[in-house]
Amino acid sequence: MTEETPGFDEKPDVPSGATPEDAESAAATSSNAEGAAPAGDASVQIAGLTAQLDQVRKALEERTADLQRLQAEFQNYRRRVERDRITVKEIAIANLLTELLPVLDDIGRAREHGELVGGFKSVAESLETVAAKMGLQQFGKEGEPFDPTIHEALMHSYAPDVTETTCVAILQPGYRIGERTIRPARVAVAEPQPGAQAVKGEGSEESAAAADDKESGGPDEG
């Protein structure tokens, strides 16, 4: 049994009769072959790491898109909740003030008859102040044009001194909150006299004809 002699490295097989240059060339080829294997393994590892990096990058983009979508949905939800909260508040205030309108009507009638005096006057004014702070606005004045969107005509008449349908008396004031009308103003309206416009037009034509005659020196004498 042959024992290896320690302290000596194995040499590549060199054909007998080879020169020292041939031996060095064989040794270099062997060394290059041994070093090529680690280089190939490194390329495979780099390719694997690159593929993993691409997968991680893709997963990160998907999670980022999911997070942005959830954030947008949350913002929309919060806006809807805020809008619904404001709407519910406005409806609650409108319902409360609607229930108080008969009381405000009584206060108005008492003021017209001079009965709003003493402690009752103080309480009534405090109530009107609170209603105004909650956004309640009164509308409806005599002499304003009739608007069917905010007026309710309870009485109708004709008048020679109006040129359009006009509110001539406020039977019950109207109330609104912002742009929302919670009760129309109940009014008496007057319209122009039938035929008044025609008579007025004829009078205007006669006046114009008389003016023309005057400018031309009057009608010719026969």
Protein backbone atom coordinates (compact mmCIF):
# COMPACT_ATOMS: atom_id res chain seq x y z
CA MET A 1 0.00 0.00 0.00
CA THR A 2 1.49 3.28 -1.06
CA GLU A 3 1.51 6.20 1.38
CA GLU A 4 1.47 9.81 0.24
CA THR A 5 4.49 11.74 1.24
CA PRO A 6 3.43 14.77 3.29
CA GLY A 7 4.62 18.19 2.29
CA PHE A 8 4.36 17.63 -1.47
CA ASP A 9 1.53 18.99 -3.63
CA GLU A 10 0.10 16.90 -6.37
CA LYS A 11 1.29 17.94 -9.78
CA PRO A 12 -0.69 17.55 -12.98
CA ASP A 13 0.27 14.67 -15.15
CA VAL A 14 2.91 15.71 -17.67
CA PRO A 15 3.86 13.47 -20.56
CA SER A 16 7.30 12.07 -20.43
CA GLY A 17 9.75 14.06 -22.44
CA ALA A 18 7.81 17.33 -21.99
CA THR A 19 9.73 20.50 -21.46
CA PRO A 20 9.39 22.66 -18.30
CA GLU A 21 7.31 25.15 -20.32
CA ASP A 22 4.78 22.38 -21.09
CA ALA A 23 4.55 21.54 -17.40
CA GLU A 24 3.84 25.19 -16.45
CA SER A 25 1.16 25.44 -19.16
CA ALA A 26 -0.57 22.32 -17.86
CA ALA A 27 -0.48 23.69 -14.31
CA ALA A 28 -2.03 27.02 -15.44
CA THR A 29 -4.81 25.22 -17.33
CA SER A 30 -5.62 23.17 -14.25
CA SER A 31 -5.75 26.29 -12.09
CA ASN A 32 -8.09 28.05 -14.54
CA ALA A 33 -10.42 25.06 -14.59
CA GLU A 34 -10.57 25.02 -10.79
CA GLY A 35 -11.35 28.80 -10.67
CA ALA A 36 -14.08 28.68 -13.32
CA ALA A 37 -16.49 26.73 -11.17
CA PRO A 38 -16.84 29.42 -8.42
CA ALA A 39 -17.36 32.14 -11.07
CA GLY A 40 -20.23 30.19 -12.60
CA ASP A 41 -21.85 29.66 -9.20
CA ALA A 42 -21.66 33.42 -8.51
CA SER A 43 -23.48 34.21 -11.77
CA VAL A 44 -26.25 31.80 -10.87
CA GLN A 45 -26.54 33.35 -7.41
CA ILE A 46 -26.68 36.87 -8.86
CA ALA A 47 -29.42 35.83 -11.29
CA GLY A 48 -31.39 34.27 -8.46
CA LEU A 49 -31.02 37.36 -6.27
CA THR A 50 -32.10 39.58 -9.19
CA ALA A 51 -35.23 37.49 -9.71
CA GLN A 52 -36.03 37.67 -5.99
CA LEU A 53 -35.47 41.43 -6.03
CA ASP A 54 -37.90 41.80 -8.94
CA GLN A 55 -40.50 39.75 -7.07
CA VAL A 56 -40.06 41.89 -3.95
CA ARG A 57 -40.29 45.09 -5.99
CA LYS A 58 -43.48 43.88 -7.69
CA ALA A 59 -45.01 42.88 -4.35
CA LEU A 60 -44.10 46.31 -2.93
CA GLU A 61 -45.78 48.08 -5.85
CA GLU A 62 -48.93 46.00 -5.38
CA ARG A 63 -49.03 46.73 -1.63
CA THR A 64 -48.45 50.43 -2.30
CA ALA A 65 -51.35 50.50 -4.79
CA ASP A 66 -53.56 48.70 -2.26
CA LEU A 67 -52.62 51.22 0.41
CA GLN A 68 -53.36 54.18 -1.88
CA ARG A 69 -56.73 52.69 -2.81
CA LEU A 70 -57.62 52.12 0.84
CA GLN A 71 -56.57 55.67 1.69
CA ALA A 72 -58.76 57.09 -1.09
CA GLU A 73 -61.71 54.97 0.06
CA PHE A 74 -61.20 56.18 3.64
CA GLN A 75 -61.11 59.81 2.52
CA ASN A 76 -64.35 59.34 0.57
CA TYR A 77 -65.94 57.62 3.55
CA ARG A 78 -64.91 60.42 5.88
CA ARG A 79 -66.34 63.04 3.50
CA ARG A 80 -69.63 61.11 3.26
CA VAL A 81 -69.83 60.84 7.05
CA GLU A 82 -69.17 64.57 7.45
CA ARG A 83 -71.75 65.43 4.78
CA ASP A 84 -74.34 63.12 6.38
CA ARG A 85 -73.59 64.60 9.80
CA ILE A 86 -74.21 68.14 8.51
CA THR A 87 -77.40 67.03 6.75
CA VAL A 88 -78.75 65.33 9.87
CA LYS A 89 -77.95 68.42 11.91
CA GLU A 90 -79.74 70.71 9.45
CA ILE A 91 -82.79 68.44 9.40
CA ALA A 92 -82.91 68.34 13.20
CA ILE A 93 -82.67 72.14 13.44
CA ALA A 94 -85.32 72.59 10.73
CA ASN A 95 -87.70 70.21 12.53
CA LEU A 96 -87.19 72.02 15.84
CA LEU A 97 -87.71 75.47 14.35
CA THR A 98 -90.76 74.28 12.42
CA GLU A 99 -92.35 73.31 15.73
CA LEU A 100 -91.58 76.80 17.07
CA LEU A 101 -93.19 78.68 14.15
CA PRO A 102 -96.67 78.85 15.76
CA VAL A 103 -95.08 80.34 18.88
CA LEU A 104 -93.28 82.93 16.76
CA ASP A 105 -96.57 83.71 14.99
CA ASP A 106 -98.23 84.33 18.37
CA ILE A 107 -95.36 86.62 19.35
CA GLY A 108 -95.76 88.56 16.10
CA ARG A 109 -99.52 89.02 16.60
CA ALA A 110 -98.97 90.10 20.20
CA ARG A 111 -96.45 92.68 19.00
CA GLU A 112 -98.90 94.04 16.41
CA HIS A 113 -101.60 94.47 19.08
CA GLY A 114 -99.24 96.08 21.58
CA GLU A 115 -99.47 93.15 24.00
CA LEU A 116 -95.77 92.36 24.01
CA VAL A 117 -94.85 93.98 27.33
CA GLY A 118 -93.13 93.15 30.61
CA GLY A 119 -91.58 89.75 31.19
CA PHE A 120 -93.41 88.27 28.20
CA LYS A 121 -91.58 90.73 25.95
CA SER A 122 -88.19 89.71 27.36
CA VAL A 123 -88.91 85.99 26.90
CA ALA A 124 -90.24 86.54 23.39
CA GLU A 125 -87.21 88.53 22.31
CA SER A 126 -84.86 85.92 23.79
CA LEU A 127 -86.65 83.19 21.85
CA GLU A 128 -86.43 85.16 18.60
CA THR A 129 -82.71 85.77 19.21
CA VAL A 130 -82.04 82.06 19.74
CA ALA A 131 -84.00 81.16 16.61
CA ALA A 132 -82.00 83.70 14.59
CA LYS A 133 -78.71 82.27 15.90
CA MET A 134 -79.83 78.84 14.71
CA GLY A 135 -80.18 80.28 11.19
CA LEU A 136 -83.91 81.06 11.04
CA GLN A 137 -84.70 83.98 8.73
CA GLN A 138 -88.08 85.66 8.26
CA PHE A 139 -89.14 86.92 4.84
CA GLY A 140 -92.17 88.43 3.13
CA LYS A 141 -92.81 92.17 2.66
CA GLU A 142 -95.70 94.17 1.24
CA GLY A 143 -95.07 95.51 -2.23
CA GLU A 144 -92.65 92.81 -3.38
CA PRO A 145 -93.41 90.83 -6.57
CA PHE A 146 -95.25 87.57 -6.06
CA ASP A 147 -92.96 84.53 -6.33
CA PRO A 148 -94.78 81.17 -6.25
CA THR A 149 -91.61 79.42 -5.02
CA ILE A 150 -91.60 81.35 -1.73
CA HIS A 151 -95.13 82.83 -1.53
CA GLU A 152 -98.50 81.19 -1.01
CA ALA A 153 -101.41 83.34 -2.22
CA LEU A 154 -104.44 83.09 0.05
CA MET A 155 -106.30 86.15 -1.29
CA HIS A 156 -106.52 87.64 -4.77
CA SER A 157 -107.70 91.01 -6.07
CA TYR A 158 -107.14 93.58 -8.82
CA ALA A 159 -105.57 96.99 -8.37
CA PRO A 160 -105.06 99.84 -10.84
CA ASP A 161 -101.74 100.90 -9.33
CA VAL A 162 -99.77 97.67 -9.89
CA THR A 163 -98.05 96.57 -13.08
CA GLU A 164 -97.46 92.93 -12.07
CA THR A 165 -98.75 90.41 -9.56
CA THR A 166 -97.75 91.96 -6.24
CA CYS A 167 -97.95 91.02 -2.57
CA VAL A 168 -100.20 93.68 -1.06
CA ALA A 169 -100.57 92.13 2.40
CA ILE A 170 -98.53 89.61 4.44
CA LEU A 171 -101.00 87.37 6.23
CA GLN A 172 -98.28 85.15 7.71
CA PRO A 173 -94.52 85.63 7.31
CA GLY A 174 -92.39 82.99 5.68
CA TYR A 175 -89.28 81.41 7.18
CA ARG A 176 -86.14 79.89 5.72
CA ILE A 177 -82.89 78.36 6.93
CA GLY A 178 -80.12 79.29 4.53
CA GLU A 179 -81.49 78.52 1.07
CA ARG A 180 -84.08 76.06 2.39
CA THR A 181 -87.63 77.38 2.79
CA ILE A 182 -89.37 75.73 5.73
CA ARG A 183 -92.60 77.72 5.31
CA PRO A 184 -93.70 79.99 2.46
CA ALA A 185 -95.02 83.44 3.19
CA ARG A 186 -98.83 83.48 3.05
CA VAL A 187 -99.92 86.64 1.28
CA ALA A 188 -102.72 88.53 -0.42
CA VAL A 189 -101.89 89.42 -3.99
CA ALA A 190 -103.18 91.99 -6.45
CA GLU A 191 -102.98 91.92 -10.23
CA PRO A 192 -103.35 94.78 -12.73
CA GLN A 193 -106.91 95.59 -13.76
CA PRO A 194 -107.99 93.60 -16.83
CA GLY A 195 -107.75 95.86 -19.90
CA ALA A 196 -105.70 98.48 -18.08
CA GLN A 197 -102.71 97.80 -20.25
CA ALA A 198 -104.80 98.12 -23.41
CA VAL A 199 -106.32 101.42 -22.26
CA LYS A 200 -102.93 102.67 -21.30
CA GLY A 201 -101.57 101.68 -24.71
CA GLU A 202 -104.39 103.48 -26.52
CA GLY A 203 -103.83 106.60 -24.45
CA SER A 204 -100.16 106.52 -25.30
CA GLU A 205 -100.94 106.25 -29.01
CA GLU A 206 -103.36 109.23 -28.84
CA SER A 207 -100.79 111.30 -26.99
CA ALA A 208 -98.17 110.47 -29.59
CA ALA A 209 -100.56 111.41 -32.42
CA ALA A 210 -101.38 114.74 -30.74
CA ALA A 211 -97.70 115.47 -30.32
CA ASP A 212 -97.07 114.79 -34.00
CA ASP A 213 -99.92 117.14 -35.01
CA LYS A 214 -98.54 119.84 -32.77
CA GLU A 215 -95.06 119.55 -34.27
CA SER A 216 -96.45 119.73 -37.81
CA GLY A 217 -98.50 122.86 -37.10
CA GLY A 218 -101.88 121.18 -36.57
CA PRO A 219 -104.27 119.70 -39.09
CA ASP A 220 -104.68 121.38 -42.46
CA GLU A 221 -107.64 123.79 -42.68
CA GLY A 222 -110.08 123.22 -45.54
